[in-house]
Amino acid sequence: MPHAATSGATEASVSGTDQLRAAGDRIDALLNASASGGVVARERAEELVRLVADLYGAGLERILSILDDAGHLDDEVAAALAADDLVAGLLLVHDLHPYDTTTRVEQALDQVRPYLGSHGGDVELLEVSPDGAVRLRLLGSCDGCPSSSVTLKLAVEGAIEAAAPEVTTIEVETPADAASPAGGRGLISIGSLRSRIDSSSSGTFSGPDAGDPRSSWQPLGEVEEFADGGVGGSLLAGIPIMVCRVGSELFAFLDRCPRCDTTMAGATLARRLGGVAGDAVLRCPTCRAHYTLRRAGACSEEPGLHLDPLPLLVSSGVVSVAVPAAIAV
């Protein structure tokens, strides 16, 4: 199977958010190291970091004020600033981002909707409260699909946290919850969501361990590298994956056929029998089983089987896949 991209992505493909997070981690490490010199040394180091951050924050605020006074801080420029991960991250740190929390959460959900659509589902933003609590509703077949846990953990939650780190909790309800007499009982806080994922049985999701805290987004390549109707394989963080493109939509799965337990290398895409244009199925080259992409990789021959889908996002033209650090057996 031709490789659409490799794991040796260039440093330029690493998102600004990751750069900012790495810098923050390094600062924390240096501050912890300074504690070996005693309490006073630690306090002085923290004050130094705080003063430098305040200085750069004041400078960024002045730059935006100058642009605004000159009439250059229009919607187009604001959108360009917000689209740059590193710049947006710095603006968020200093509370200078041009978009409010609700707008950024909506934009984050727009990024994951193609992935949710591959499950025949969607997500609706119900509310962003003043104290930073986000309430969502899962729609369609996302509720109860074989990979609903990884969908919530890696796709929805990860996108929102990256776009709006000030969010305090993420609560999810399903249409059934909304219709139930218990009302708000269907809401799931992010803490309990994590516990549900961590305690879910291996029979629910047999692919990557969604509860592993080391799960991370890995850059795969540029959108243009993936041809329409093509199937490509890659190795990300030591895990073999495959990526398919149908029209403008991309789908990522663990590279393993659940029917014959072999690689999908050499798999081909075709239109599902009786399906409309774009309703594609992936055929295993070994056992000839067919998997419907828009139904989270459900097997046509054995309905109880399905491919293991992985969350996929496209940001600034770069395709990234959420790759857990371990494979559950």
C-alpha atoms as a PDB file:
ATOM      1  CA  MET A   1       0.000   0.000   0.000  1.00  0.00           C
ATOM      2  CA  PRO A   2       1.566   3.337  -0.999  1.00  0.00           C
ATOM      3  CA  HIS A   3       2.292   5.579   1.917  1.00  0.00           C
ATOM      4  CA  ALA A   4       0.376   8.856   1.815  1.00  0.00           C
ATOM      5  CA  ALA A   5       2.629  10.315   4.502  1.00  0.00           C
ATOM      6  CA  THR A   6       5.284   9.235   6.958  1.00  0.00           C
ATOM      7  CA  SER A   7       5.774   9.742  10.643  1.00  0.00           C
ATOM      8  CA  GLY A   8       8.861  11.859   9.962  1.00  0.00           C
ATOM      9  CA  ALA A   9       6.890  15.069   9.754  1.00  0.00           C
ATOM     10  CA  THR A  10       8.863  18.289   9.627  1.00  0.00           C
ATOM     11  CA  GLU A  11       9.088  20.569  12.622  1.00  0.00           C
ATOM     12  CA  ALA A  12       7.094  23.159  10.688  1.00  0.00           C
ATOM     13  CA  SER A  13       4.081  20.872  10.801  1.00  0.00           C
ATOM     14  CA  VAL A  14       4.025  20.896  14.603  1.00  0.00           C
ATOM     15  CA  SER A  15       1.181  23.136  15.709  1.00  0.00           C
ATOM     16  CA  GLY A  16       1.775  26.408  17.514  1.00  0.00           C
ATOM     17  CA  THR A  17      -0.326  25.078  20.370  1.00  0.00           C
ATOM     18  CA  ASP A  18       2.131  22.204  20.804  1.00  0.00           C
ATOM     19  CA  GLN A  19       5.061  24.634  20.704  1.00  0.00           C
ATOM     20  CA  LEU A  20       3.452  26.791  23.362  1.00  0.00           C
ATOM     21  CA  ARG A  21       2.663  23.768  25.510  1.00  0.00           C
ATOM     22  CA  ALA A  22       6.227  22.477  25.174  1.00  0.00           C
ATOM     23  CA  ALA A  23       7.600  25.867  26.193  1.00  0.00           C
ATOM     24  CA  GLY A  24       5.276  25.909  29.197  1.00  0.00           C
ATOM     25  CA  ASP A  25       6.396  22.438  30.222  1.00  0.00           C
ATOM     26  CA  ARG A  26      10.025  23.494  29.948  1.00  0.00           C
ATOM     27  CA  ILE A  27       9.389  26.606  32.068  1.00  0.00           C
ATOM     28  CA  ASP A  28       7.728  24.444  34.721  1.00  0.00           C
ATOM     29  CA  ALA A  29      10.693  22.078  34.699  1.00  0.00           C
ATOM     30  CA  LEU A  30      13.144  24.957  35.126  1.00  0.00           C
ATOM     31  CA  LEU A  31      11.061  26.422  37.942  1.00  0.00           C
ATOM     32  CA  ASN A  32      11.022  23.051  39.692  1.00  0.00           C
ATOM     33  CA  ALA A  33      14.779  22.785  39.259  1.00  0.00           C
ATOM     34  CA  SER A  34      15.252  26.230  40.765  1.00  0.00           C
ATOM     35  CA  ALA A  35      13.477  24.991  43.895  1.00  0.00           C
ATOM     36  CA  SER A  36      16.643  23.078  44.755  1.00  0.00           C
ATOM     37  CA  GLY A  37      18.148  26.446  45.666  1.00  0.00           C
ATOM     38  CA  GLY A  38      15.506  26.981  48.305  1.00  0.00           C
ATOM     39  CA  VAL A  39      12.184  28.817  48.618  1.00  0.00           C
ATOM     40  CA  VAL A  40      13.691  32.223  47.875  1.00  0.00           C
ATOM     41  CA  ALA A  41      15.300  31.003  44.651  1.00  0.00           C
ATOM     42  CA  ARG A  42      12.002  29.503  43.535  1.00  0.00           C
ATOM     43  CA  GLU A  43      10.078  32.714  44.254  1.00  0.00           C
ATOM     44  CA  ARG A  44      12.608  34.819  42.366  1.00  0.00           C
ATOM     45  CA  ALA A  45      12.437  32.514  39.347  1.00  0.00           C
ATOM     46  CA  GLU A  46       8.631  32.670  39.350  1.00  0.00           C
ATOM     47  CA  GLU A  47       8.718  36.463  39.596  1.00  0.00           C
ATOM     48  CA  LEU A  48      11.130  36.632  36.653  1.00  0.00           C
ATOM     49  CA  VAL A  49       8.850  34.501  34.494  1.00  0.00           C
ATOM     50  CA  ARG A  50       5.817  36.553  35.533  1.00  0.00           C
ATOM     51  CA  LEU A  51       7.517  39.872  34.719  1.00  0.00           C
ATOM     52  CA  VAL A  52       8.704  38.679  31.311  1.00  0.00           C
ATOM     53  CA  ALA A  53       5.243  37.307  30.468  1.00  0.00           C
ATOM     54  CA  ASP A  54       3.593  40.560  31.557  1.00  0.00           C
ATOM     55  CA  LEU A  55       6.047  42.569  29.473  1.00  0.00           C
ATOM     56  CA  TYR A  56       5.355  40.585  26.309  1.00  0.00           C
ATOM     57  CA  GLY A  57       1.634  40.624  27.037  1.00  0.00           C
ATOM     58  CA  ALA A  58       1.651  44.409  27.310  1.00  0.00           C
ATOM     59  CA  GLY A  59       3.600  44.597  24.055  1.00  0.00           C
ATOM     60  CA  LEU A  60       1.082  42.390  22.235  1.00  0.00           C
ATOM     61  CA  GLU A  61      -1.767  44.506  23.548  1.00  0.00           C
ATOM     62  CA  ARG A  62      -0.061  47.675  22.305  1.00  0.00           C
ATOM     63  CA  ILE A  63       0.462  46.122  18.855  1.00  0.00           C
ATOM     64  CA  LEU A  64      -3.238  45.259  18.586  1.00  0.00           C
ATOM     65  CA  SER A  65      -4.217  48.734  19.786  1.00  0.00           C
ATOM     66  CA  ILE A  66      -1.978  50.381  17.188  1.00  0.00           C
ATOM     67  CA  LEU A  67      -3.449  48.214  14.422  1.00  0.00           C
ATOM     68  CA  ASP A  68      -6.960  48.999  15.620  1.00  0.00           C
ATOM     69  CA  ASP A  69      -6.307  52.749  15.804  1.00  0.00           C
ATOM     70  CA  ALA A  70      -4.907  52.647  12.269  1.00  0.00           C
ATOM     71  CA  GLY A  71      -8.012  50.857  11.039  1.00  0.00           C
ATOM     72  CA  HIS A  72      -6.084  47.731  10.055  1.00  0.00           C
ATOM     73  CA  LEU A  73      -7.464  45.333  12.649  1.00  0.00           C
ATOM     74  CA  ASP A  74     -10.407  44.308  10.486  1.00  0.00           C
ATOM     75  CA  ASP A  75     -12.181  40.946  10.331  1.00  0.00           C
ATOM     76  CA  GLU A  76      -9.708  39.570   7.804  1.00  0.00           C
ATOM     77  CA  VAL A  77      -6.666  40.377   9.944  1.00  0.00           C
ATOM     78  CA  ALA A  78      -8.397  39.101  13.097  1.00  0.00           C
ATOM     79  CA  ALA A  79      -9.190  35.829  11.329  1.00  0.00           C
ATOM     80  CA  ALA A  80      -5.569  35.504  10.155  1.00  0.00           C
ATOM     81  CA  LEU A  81      -4.287  36.018  13.709  1.00  0.00           C
ATOM     82  CA  ALA A  82      -6.754  33.487  15.086  1.00  0.00           C
ATOM     83  CA  ALA A  83      -5.841  30.936  12.392  1.00  0.00           C
ATOM     84  CA  ASP A  84      -2.169  30.896  13.411  1.00  0.00           C
ATOM     85  CA  ASP A  85      -1.859  28.400  16.258  1.00  0.00           C
ATOM     86  CA  LEU A  86       1.181  29.998  17.882  1.00  0.00           C
ATOM     87  CA  VAL A  87      -0.139  33.568  17.675  1.00  0.00           C
ATOM     88  CA  ALA A  88      -3.588  32.463  18.847  1.00  0.00           C
ATOM     89  CA  GLY A  89      -2.020  30.640  21.779  1.00  0.00           C
ATOM     90  CA  LEU A  90      -0.092  33.727  22.876  1.00  0.00           C
ATOM     91  CA  LEU A  91      -3.201  35.875  22.532  1.00  0.00           C
ATOM     92  CA  LEU A  92      -5.142  33.401  24.661  1.00  0.00           C
ATOM     93  CA  VAL A  93      -2.504  33.458  27.390  1.00  0.00           C
ATOM     94  CA  HIS A  94      -2.863  37.232  27.656  1.00  0.00           C
ATOM     95  CA  ASP A  95      -6.656  37.332  27.172  1.00  0.00           C
ATOM     96  CA  LEU A  96      -6.296  39.160  23.855  1.00  0.00           C
ATOM     97  CA  HIS A  97      -7.853  36.653  21.452  1.00  0.00           C
ATOM     98  CA  PRO A  98     -10.161  38.370  18.929  1.00  0.00           C
ATOM     99  CA  TYR A  99     -12.859  35.695  19.300  1.00  0.00           C
ATOM    100  CA  ASP A 100     -14.835  34.932  22.440  1.00  0.00           C
ATOM    101  CA  THR A 101     -15.055  31.483  24.018  1.00  0.00           C
ATOM    102  CA  THR A 102     -18.343  30.547  22.343  1.00  0.00           C
ATOM    103  CA  THR A 103     -17.022  31.374  18.878  1.00  0.00           C
ATOM    104  CA  ARG A 104     -13.847  29.373  19.437  1.00  0.00           C
ATOM    105  CA  VAL A 105     -15.773  26.370  20.742  1.00  0.00           C
ATOM    106  CA  GLU A 106     -18.042  26.483  17.664  1.00  0.00           C
ATOM    107  CA  GLN A 107     -14.984  26.620  15.410  1.00  0.00           C
ATOM    108  CA  ALA A 108     -13.481  23.650  17.245  1.00  0.00           C
ATOM    109  CA  LEU A 109     -16.675  21.639  16.747  1.00  0.00           C
ATOM    110  CA  ASP A 110     -16.656  22.534  13.044  1.00  0.00           C
ATOM    111  CA  GLN A 111     -13.225  20.905  12.850  1.00  0.00           C
ATOM    112  CA  VAL A 112     -14.417  17.594  14.295  1.00  0.00           C
ATOM    113  CA  ARG A 113     -17.764  17.428  12.468  1.00  0.00           C
ATOM    114  CA  PRO A 114     -16.275  15.617   9.440  1.00  0.00           C
ATOM    115  CA  TYR A 115     -15.039  12.895  11.810  1.00  0.00           C
ATOM    116  CA  LEU A 116     -18.411  12.706  13.566  1.00  0.00           C
ATOM    117  CA  GLY A 117     -20.059  12.619  10.159  1.00  0.00           C
ATOM    118  CA  SER A 118     -18.118   9.449   9.373  1.00  0.00           C
ATOM    119  CA  HIS A 119     -20.189   7.916  12.188  1.00  0.00           C
ATOM    120  CA  GLY A 120     -23.442   9.301  10.779  1.00  0.00           C
ATOM    121  CA  GLY A 121     -23.593  11.732  13.688  1.00  0.00           C
ATOM    122  CA  ASP A 122     -23.091  15.335  14.706  1.00  0.00           C
ATOM    123  CA  VAL A 123     -22.642  17.507  17.785  1.00  0.00           C
ATOM    124  CA  GLU A 124     -24.626  20.554  18.889  1.00  0.00           C
ATOM    125  CA  LEU A 125     -23.365  23.308  21.177  1.00  0.00           C
ATOM    126  CA  LEU A 126     -26.062  23.984  23.765  1.00  0.00           C
ATOM    127  CA  GLU A 127     -24.373  26.516  26.004  1.00  0.00           C
ATOM    128  CA  VAL A 128     -21.140  28.058  27.208  1.00  0.00           C
ATOM    129  CA  SER A 129     -21.799  29.284  30.731  1.00  0.00           C
ATOM    130  CA  PRO A 130     -20.119  32.360  32.278  1.00  0.00           C
ATOM    131  CA  ASP A 131     -18.010  30.089  34.481  1.00  0.00           C
ATOM    132  CA  GLY A 132     -16.581  28.233  31.447  1.00  0.00           C
ATOM    133  CA  ALA A 133     -18.769  25.111  31.398  1.00  0.00           C
ATOM    134  CA  VAL A 134     -19.532  23.805  27.900  1.00  0.00           C
ATOM    135  CA  ARG A 135     -22.703  21.801  27.308  1.00  0.00           C
ATOM    136  CA  LEU A 136     -22.920  19.648  24.186  1.00  0.00           C
ATOM    137  CA  ARG A 137     -25.444  17.269  22.679  1.00  0.00           C
ATOM    138  CA  LEU A 138     -24.438  14.297  20.543  1.00  0.00           C
ATOM    139  CA  LEU A 139     -26.741  13.691  17.594  1.00  0.00           C
ATOM    140  CA  GLY A 140     -27.349  10.772  15.266  1.00  0.00           C
ATOM    141  CA  SER A 141     -25.525   7.491  15.602  1.00  0.00           C
ATOM    142  CA  CYS A 142     -22.606   8.935  17.603  1.00  0.00           C
ATOM    143  CA  ASP A 143     -24.586   7.930  20.669  1.00  0.00           C
ATOM    144  CA  GLY A 144     -23.808   4.249  21.221  1.00  0.00           C
ATOM    145  CA  CYS A 145     -21.535   3.730  18.221  1.00  0.00           C
ATOM    146  CA  PRO A 146     -18.633   1.316  18.813  1.00  0.00           C
ATOM    147  CA  SER A 147     -16.105   4.117  19.244  1.00  0.00           C
ATOM    148  CA  SER A 148     -18.226   6.722  21.065  1.00  0.00           C
ATOM    149  CA  SER A 149     -15.741   6.831  23.938  1.00  0.00           C
ATOM    150  CA  VAL A 150     -12.750   7.627  21.755  1.00  0.00           C
ATOM    151  CA  THR A 151     -14.899  10.103  19.797  1.00  0.00           C
ATOM    152  CA  LEU A 152     -15.603  12.084  22.956  1.00  0.00           C
ATOM    153  CA  LYS A 153     -12.191  11.738  24.538  1.00  0.00           C
ATOM    154  CA  LEU A 154      -9.901  12.433  21.604  1.00  0.00           C
ATOM    155  CA  ALA A 155     -11.969  14.344  19.061  1.00  0.00           C
ATOM    156  CA  VAL A 156     -14.502  16.604  20.767  1.00  0.00           C
ATOM    157  CA  GLU A 157     -12.708  17.174  24.050  1.00  0.00           C
ATOM    158  CA  GLY A 158      -9.278  17.579  22.460  1.00  0.00           C
ATOM    159  CA  ALA A 159     -10.469  20.112  19.883  1.00  0.00           C
ATOM    160  CA  ILE A 160     -12.276  22.220  22.486  1.00  0.00           C
ATOM    161  CA  GLU A 161      -9.367  22.205  24.927  1.00  0.00           C
ATOM    162  CA  ALA A 162      -6.985  23.330  22.179  1.00  0.00           C
ATOM    163  CA  ALA A 163      -9.254  26.156  21.002  1.00  0.00           C
ATOM    164  CA  ALA A 164     -10.515  27.288  24.417  1.00  0.00           C
ATOM    165  CA  PRO A 165      -8.193  26.235  27.246  1.00  0.00           C
ATOM    166  CA  GLU A 166     -10.160  28.412  29.661  1.00  0.00           C
ATOM    167  CA  VAL A 167     -13.078  25.959  29.497  1.00  0.00           C
ATOM    168  CA  THR A 168     -13.540  24.396  32.937  1.00  0.00           C
ATOM    169  CA  THR A 169     -15.826  21.432  32.180  1.00  0.00           C
ATOM    170  CA  ILE A 170     -17.369  19.740  29.158  1.00  0.00           C
ATOM    171  CA  GLU A 171     -20.786  18.185  29.646  1.00  0.00           C
ATOM    172  CA  VAL A 172     -22.395  15.918  27.084  1.00  0.00           C
ATOM    173  CA  GLU A 173     -25.976  14.830  26.705  1.00  0.00           C
ATOM    174  CA  THR A 174     -27.672  12.634  24.133  1.00  0.00           C
ATOM    175  CA  PRO A 175     -31.121  13.142  22.564  1.00  0.00           C
ATOM    176  CA  ALA A 176     -32.432  10.396  24.862  1.00  0.00           C
ATOM    177  CA  ASP A 177     -31.175  12.313  27.889  1.00  0.00           C
ATOM    178  CA  ALA A 178     -32.931  15.482  26.746  1.00  0.00           C
ATOM    179  CA  ALA A 179     -36.225  13.619  26.376  1.00  0.00           C
ATOM    180  CA  SER A 180     -36.010  11.801  29.679  1.00  0.00           C
ATOM    181  CA  PRO A 181     -37.998  12.988  32.723  1.00  0.00           C
ATOM    182  CA  ALA A 182     -34.763  13.168  34.686  1.00  0.00           C
ATOM    183  CA  GLY A 183     -33.734  16.150  32.590  1.00  0.00           C
ATOM    184  CA  GLY A 184     -30.151  17.097  33.406  1.00  0.00           C
ATOM    185  CA  ARG A 185     -29.220  13.664  34.711  1.00  0.00           C
ATOM    186  CA  GLY A 186     -27.903  12.833  31.272  1.00  0.00           C
ATOM    187  CA  LEU A 187     -25.129  15.410  31.528  1.00  0.00           C
ATOM    188  CA  ILE A 188     -21.641  13.965  31.852  1.00  0.00           C
ATOM    189  CA  SER A 189     -18.850  16.048  33.337  1.00  0.00           C
ATOM    190  CA  ILE A 190     -15.427  15.685  31.802  1.00  0.00           C
ATOM    191  CA  GLY A 191     -14.207  13.928  34.938  1.00  0.00           C
ATOM    192  CA  SER A 192     -16.869  11.254  34.841  1.00  0.00           C
ATOM    193  CA  LEU A 193     -16.432  10.984  31.077  1.00  0.00           C
ATOM    194  CA  ARG A 194     -12.794  10.088  31.592  1.00  0.00           C
ATOM    195  CA  SER A 195     -13.727   7.512  34.220  1.00  0.00           C
ATOM    196  CA  ARG A 196     -16.279   5.941  31.872  1.00  0.00           C
ATOM    197  CA  ILE A 197     -13.682   5.653  29.159  1.00  0.00           C
ATOM    198  CA  ASP A 198     -11.033   4.282  31.489  1.00  0.00           C
ATOM    199  CA  SER A 199     -13.400   1.664  32.902  1.00  0.00           C
ATOM    200  CA  SER A 200     -15.026   0.650  29.601  1.00  0.00           C
ATOM    201  CA  SER A 201     -14.679  -3.026  28.750  1.00  0.00           C
ATOM    202  CA  SER A 202     -12.251  -4.138  26.086  1.00  0.00           C
ATOM    203  CA  GLY A 203     -15.183  -5.497  24.105  1.00  0.00           C
ATOM    204  CA  THR A 204     -16.564  -2.013  23.580  1.00  0.00           C
ATOM    205  CA  PHE A 205     -13.551  -0.648  21.730  1.00  0.00           C
ATOM    206  CA  SER A 206     -10.861  -3.111  20.783  1.00  0.00           C
ATOM    207  CA  GLY A 207      -8.499  -0.637  19.175  1.00  0.00           C
ATOM    208  CA  PRO A 208      -6.287   2.067  20.714  1.00  0.00           C
ATOM    209  CA  ASP A 209      -6.761   2.663  24.421  1.00  0.00           C
ATOM    210  CA  ALA A 210      -8.825   5.842  24.601  1.00  0.00           C
ATOM    211  CA  GLY A 211      -8.222   6.132  28.324  1.00  0.00           C
ATOM    212  CA  ASP A 212      -4.454   6.350  28.008  1.00  0.00           C
ATOM    213  CA  PRO A 213      -3.439   9.858  29.165  1.00  0.00           C
ATOM    214  CA  ARG A 214      -0.457   9.746  26.804  1.00  0.00           C
ATOM    215  CA  SER A 215      -2.717   9.844  23.735  1.00  0.00           C
ATOM    216  CA  SER A 216      -1.733  12.680  21.432  1.00  0.00           C
ATOM    217  CA  TRP A 217      -2.378  14.298  18.065  1.00  0.00           C
ATOM    218  CA  GLN A 218       0.290  13.386  15.519  1.00  0.00           C
ATOM    219  CA  PRO A 219       0.838  15.360  12.279  1.00  0.00           C
ATOM    220  CA  LEU A 220       0.393  13.147   9.229  1.00  0.00           C
ATOM    221  CA  GLY A 221       0.955  15.465   6.286  1.00  0.00           C
ATOM    222  CA  GLU A 222      -0.599  18.120   4.060  1.00  0.00           C
ATOM    223  CA  VAL A 223      -4.155  17.702   2.783  1.00  0.00           C
ATOM    224  CA  GLU A 224      -2.923  17.848  -0.814  1.00  0.00           C
ATOM    225  CA  GLU A 225      -0.886  14.681  -0.274  1.00  0.00           C
ATOM    226  CA  PHE A 226      -4.054  12.571  -0.083  1.00  0.00           C
ATOM    227  CA  ALA A 227      -5.644  11.738  -3.435  1.00  0.00           C
ATOM    228  CA  ASP A 228      -9.410  11.385  -3.819  1.00  0.00           C
ATOM    229  CA  GLY A 229     -10.336   7.709  -3.743  1.00  0.00           C
ATOM    230  CA  GLY A 230      -6.928   6.753  -2.405  1.00  0.00           C
ATOM    231  CA  VAL A 231      -5.948   4.596   0.571  1.00  0.00           C
ATOM    232  CA  GLY A 232      -2.656   5.301   2.289  1.00  0.00           C
ATOM    233  CA  GLY A 233      -0.780   3.717   5.162  1.00  0.00           C
ATOM    234  CA  SER A 234       1.552   5.195   7.735  1.00  0.00           C
ATOM    235  CA  LEU A 235       3.208   4.484  11.060  1.00  0.00           C
ATOM    236  CA  LEU A 236       2.464   7.102  13.728  1.00  0.00           C
ATOM    237  CA  ALA A 237       3.961   6.782  17.216  1.00  0.00           C
ATOM    238  CA  GLY A 238       4.619   3.136  16.428  1.00  0.00           C
ATOM    239  CA  ILE A 239       0.991   2.428  15.498  1.00  0.00           C
ATOM    240  CA  PRO A 240       0.055   1.412  11.910  1.00  0.00           C
ATOM    241  CA  ILE A 241      -2.856   3.421  10.555  1.00  0.00           C
ATOM    242  CA  MET A 242      -4.578   3.865   7.212  1.00  0.00           C
ATOM    243  CA  VAL A 243      -6.160   7.004   5.789  1.00  0.00           C
ATOM    244  CA  CYS A 244      -8.823   7.111   3.072  1.00  0.00           C
ATOM    245  CA  ARG A 245     -10.079  10.107   1.135  1.00  0.00           C
ATOM    246  CA  VAL A 246     -13.527  10.355  -0.456  1.00  0.00           C
ATOM    247  CA  GLY A 247     -14.085  13.723  -2.105  1.00  0.00           C
ATOM    248  CA  SER A 248     -13.101  16.346   0.453  1.00  0.00           C
ATOM    249  CA  GLU A 249     -13.503  13.989   3.431  1.00  0.00           C
ATOM    250  CA  LEU A 250     -10.706  12.094   5.148  1.00  0.00           C
ATOM    251  CA  PHE A 251     -11.120   8.989   7.318  1.00  0.00           C
ATOM    252  CA  ALA A 252      -8.492   7.385   9.562  1.00  0.00           C
ATOM    253  CA  PHE A 253      -8.556   3.840  10.964  1.00  0.00           C
ATOM    254  CA  LEU A 254      -6.266   1.435  12.726  1.00  0.00           C
ATOM    255  CA  ASP A 255      -4.600  -0.719  10.066  1.00  0.00           C
ATOM    256  CA  ARG A 256      -6.188  -4.038  11.026  1.00  0.00           C
ATOM    257  CA  CYS A 257      -9.028  -6.069   9.564  1.00  0.00           C
ATOM    258  CA  PRO A 258     -11.187  -7.303  12.487  1.00  0.00           C
ATOM    259  CA  ARG A 259     -12.483 -10.214  10.415  1.00  0.00           C
ATOM    260  CA  CYS A 260      -9.180 -11.872   9.470  1.00  0.00           C
ATOM    261  CA  ASP A 261      -6.916  -9.984  11.907  1.00  0.00           C
ATOM    262  CA  THR A 262      -4.436  -8.960   9.209  1.00  0.00           C
ATOM    263  CA  THR A 263      -3.168  -5.703   7.772  1.00  0.00           C
ATOM    264  CA  MET A 264      -5.328  -3.774   5.314  1.00  0.00           C
ATOM    265  CA  ALA A 265      -2.303  -3.069   3.091  1.00  0.00           C
ATOM    266  CA  GLY A 266      -3.532  -3.172  -0.490  1.00  0.00           C
ATOM    267  CA  ALA A 267      -7.130  -2.318   0.446  1.00  0.00           C
ATOM    268  CA  THR A 268      -9.234  -0.595  -2.206  1.00  0.00           C
ATOM    269  CA  LEU A 269     -12.190   1.782  -2.148  1.00  0.00           C
ATOM    270  CA  ALA A 270     -15.421   1.254  -4.073  1.00  0.00           C
ATOM    271  CA  ARG A 271     -18.986   2.576  -4.008  1.00  0.00           C
ATOM    272  CA  ARG A 272     -21.284   0.622  -1.708  1.00  0.00           C
ATOM    273  CA  LEU A 273     -23.731  -1.538  -3.658  1.00  0.00           C
ATOM    274  CA  GLY A 274     -26.917   0.512  -4.073  1.00  0.00           C
ATOM    275  CA  GLY A 275     -25.287   3.493  -2.381  1.00  0.00           C
ATOM    276  CA  VAL A 276     -25.118   7.077  -3.581  1.00  0.00           C
ATOM    277  CA  ALA A 277     -21.978   8.775  -4.859  1.00  0.00           C
ATOM    278  CA  GLY A 278     -19.455   9.143  -2.074  1.00  0.00           C
ATOM    279  CA  ASP A 279     -20.941   6.270  -0.064  1.00  0.00           C
ATOM    280  CA  ALA A 280     -17.693   4.333  -0.097  1.00  0.00           C
ATOM    281  CA  VAL A 281     -16.691   0.932   1.240  1.00  0.00           C
ATOM    282  CA  LEU A 282     -13.193  -0.325   1.940  1.00  0.00           C
ATOM    283  CA  ARG A 283     -12.398  -3.918   0.881  1.00  0.00           C
ATOM    284  CA  CYS A 284      -9.915  -6.036   2.796  1.00  0.00           C
ATOM    285  CA  PRO A 285      -7.392  -7.543   0.341  1.00  0.00           C
ATOM    286  CA  THR A 286      -7.158 -10.772   2.356  1.00  0.00           C
ATOM    287  CA  CYS A 287     -10.671 -11.865   3.366  1.00  0.00           C
ATOM    288  CA  ARG A 288     -12.599  -9.549   0.968  1.00  0.00           C
ATOM    289  CA  ALA A 289     -14.716  -8.123   3.793  1.00  0.00           C
ATOM    290  CA  HIS A 290     -16.285  -4.725   3.104  1.00  0.00           C
ATOM    291  CA  TYR A 291     -16.332  -1.819   5.574  1.00  0.00           C
ATOM    292  CA  THR A 292     -18.544   1.250   5.188  1.00  0.00           C
ATOM    293  CA  LEU A 293     -16.557   4.426   5.873  1.00  0.00           C
ATOM    294  CA  ARG A 294     -19.545   6.615   6.785  1.00  0.00           C
ATOM    295  CA  ARG A 295     -20.698   4.095   9.380  1.00  0.00           C
ATOM    296  CA  ALA A 296     -17.468   4.170  11.385  1.00  0.00           C
ATOM    297  CA  GLY A 297     -16.096   1.229   9.394  1.00  0.00           C
ATOM    298  CA  ALA A 298     -19.015  -1.187  10.016  1.00  0.00           C
ATOM    299  CA  CYS A 299     -18.554  -4.561   8.318  1.00  0.00           C
ATOM    300  CA  SER A 300     -21.122  -5.415   5.637  1.00  0.00           C
ATOM    301  CA  GLU A 301     -20.673  -9.181   5.935  1.00  0.00           C
ATOM    302  CA  GLU A 302     -20.680  -9.349   9.759  1.00  0.00           C
ATOM    303  CA  PRO A 303     -22.567  -6.416  11.360  1.00  0.00           C
ATOM    304  CA  GLY A 304     -20.960  -7.050  14.729  1.00  0.00           C
ATOM    305  CA  LEU A 305     -17.503  -6.206  13.369  1.00  0.00           C
ATOM    306  CA  HIS A 306     -16.078  -2.782  12.578  1.00  0.00           C
ATOM    307  CA  LEU A 307     -12.789  -1.072  11.838  1.00  0.00           C
ATOM    308  CA  ASP A 308     -11.298   1.004  14.647  1.00  0.00           C
ATOM    309  CA  PRO A 309     -11.706   4.669  13.622  1.00  0.00           C
ATOM    310  CA  LEU A 310      -9.260   7.305  14.808  1.00  0.00           C
ATOM    311  CA  PRO A 311     -10.125  11.003  15.240  1.00  0.00           C
ATOM    312  CA  LEU A 312      -8.719  13.124  12.422  1.00  0.00           C
ATOM    313  CA  LEU A 313      -8.460  16.907  12.226  1.00  0.00           C
ATOM    314  CA  VAL A 314      -7.284  19.333   9.555  1.00  0.00           C
ATOM    315  CA  SER A 315      -5.773  22.593  10.785  1.00  0.00           C
ATOM    316  CA  SER A 316      -4.037  25.122   8.530  1.00  0.00           C
ATOM    317  CA  GLY A 317      -3.881  22.498   5.792  1.00  0.00           C
ATOM    318  CA  VAL A 318      -2.095  19.950   8.013  1.00  0.00           C
ATOM    319  CA  VAL A 319      -3.756  16.591   8.700  1.00  0.00           C
ATOM    320  CA  SER A 320      -3.351  15.248  12.252  1.00  0.00           C
ATOM    321  CA  VAL A 321      -4.539  11.965  13.733  1.00  0.00           C
ATOM    322  CA  ALA A 322      -5.177  11.228  17.418  1.00  0.00           C
ATOM    323  CA  VAL A 323      -2.928   8.265  18.132  1.00  0.00           C
ATOM    324  CA  PRO A 324      -3.162   6.582  21.557  1.00  0.00           C
ATOM    325  CA  ALA A 325       0.082   5.384  23.081  1.00  0.00           C
ATOM    326  CA  ALA A 326      -0.960   1.756  23.508  1.00  0.00           C
ATOM    327  CA  ILE A 327      -3.044  -0.921  21.863  1.00  0.00           C
ATOM    328  CA  ALA A 328      -5.553  -2.758  24.008  1.00  0.00           C
ATOM    329  CA  VAL A 329      -5.607  -6.534  23.598  1.00  0.00           C
END
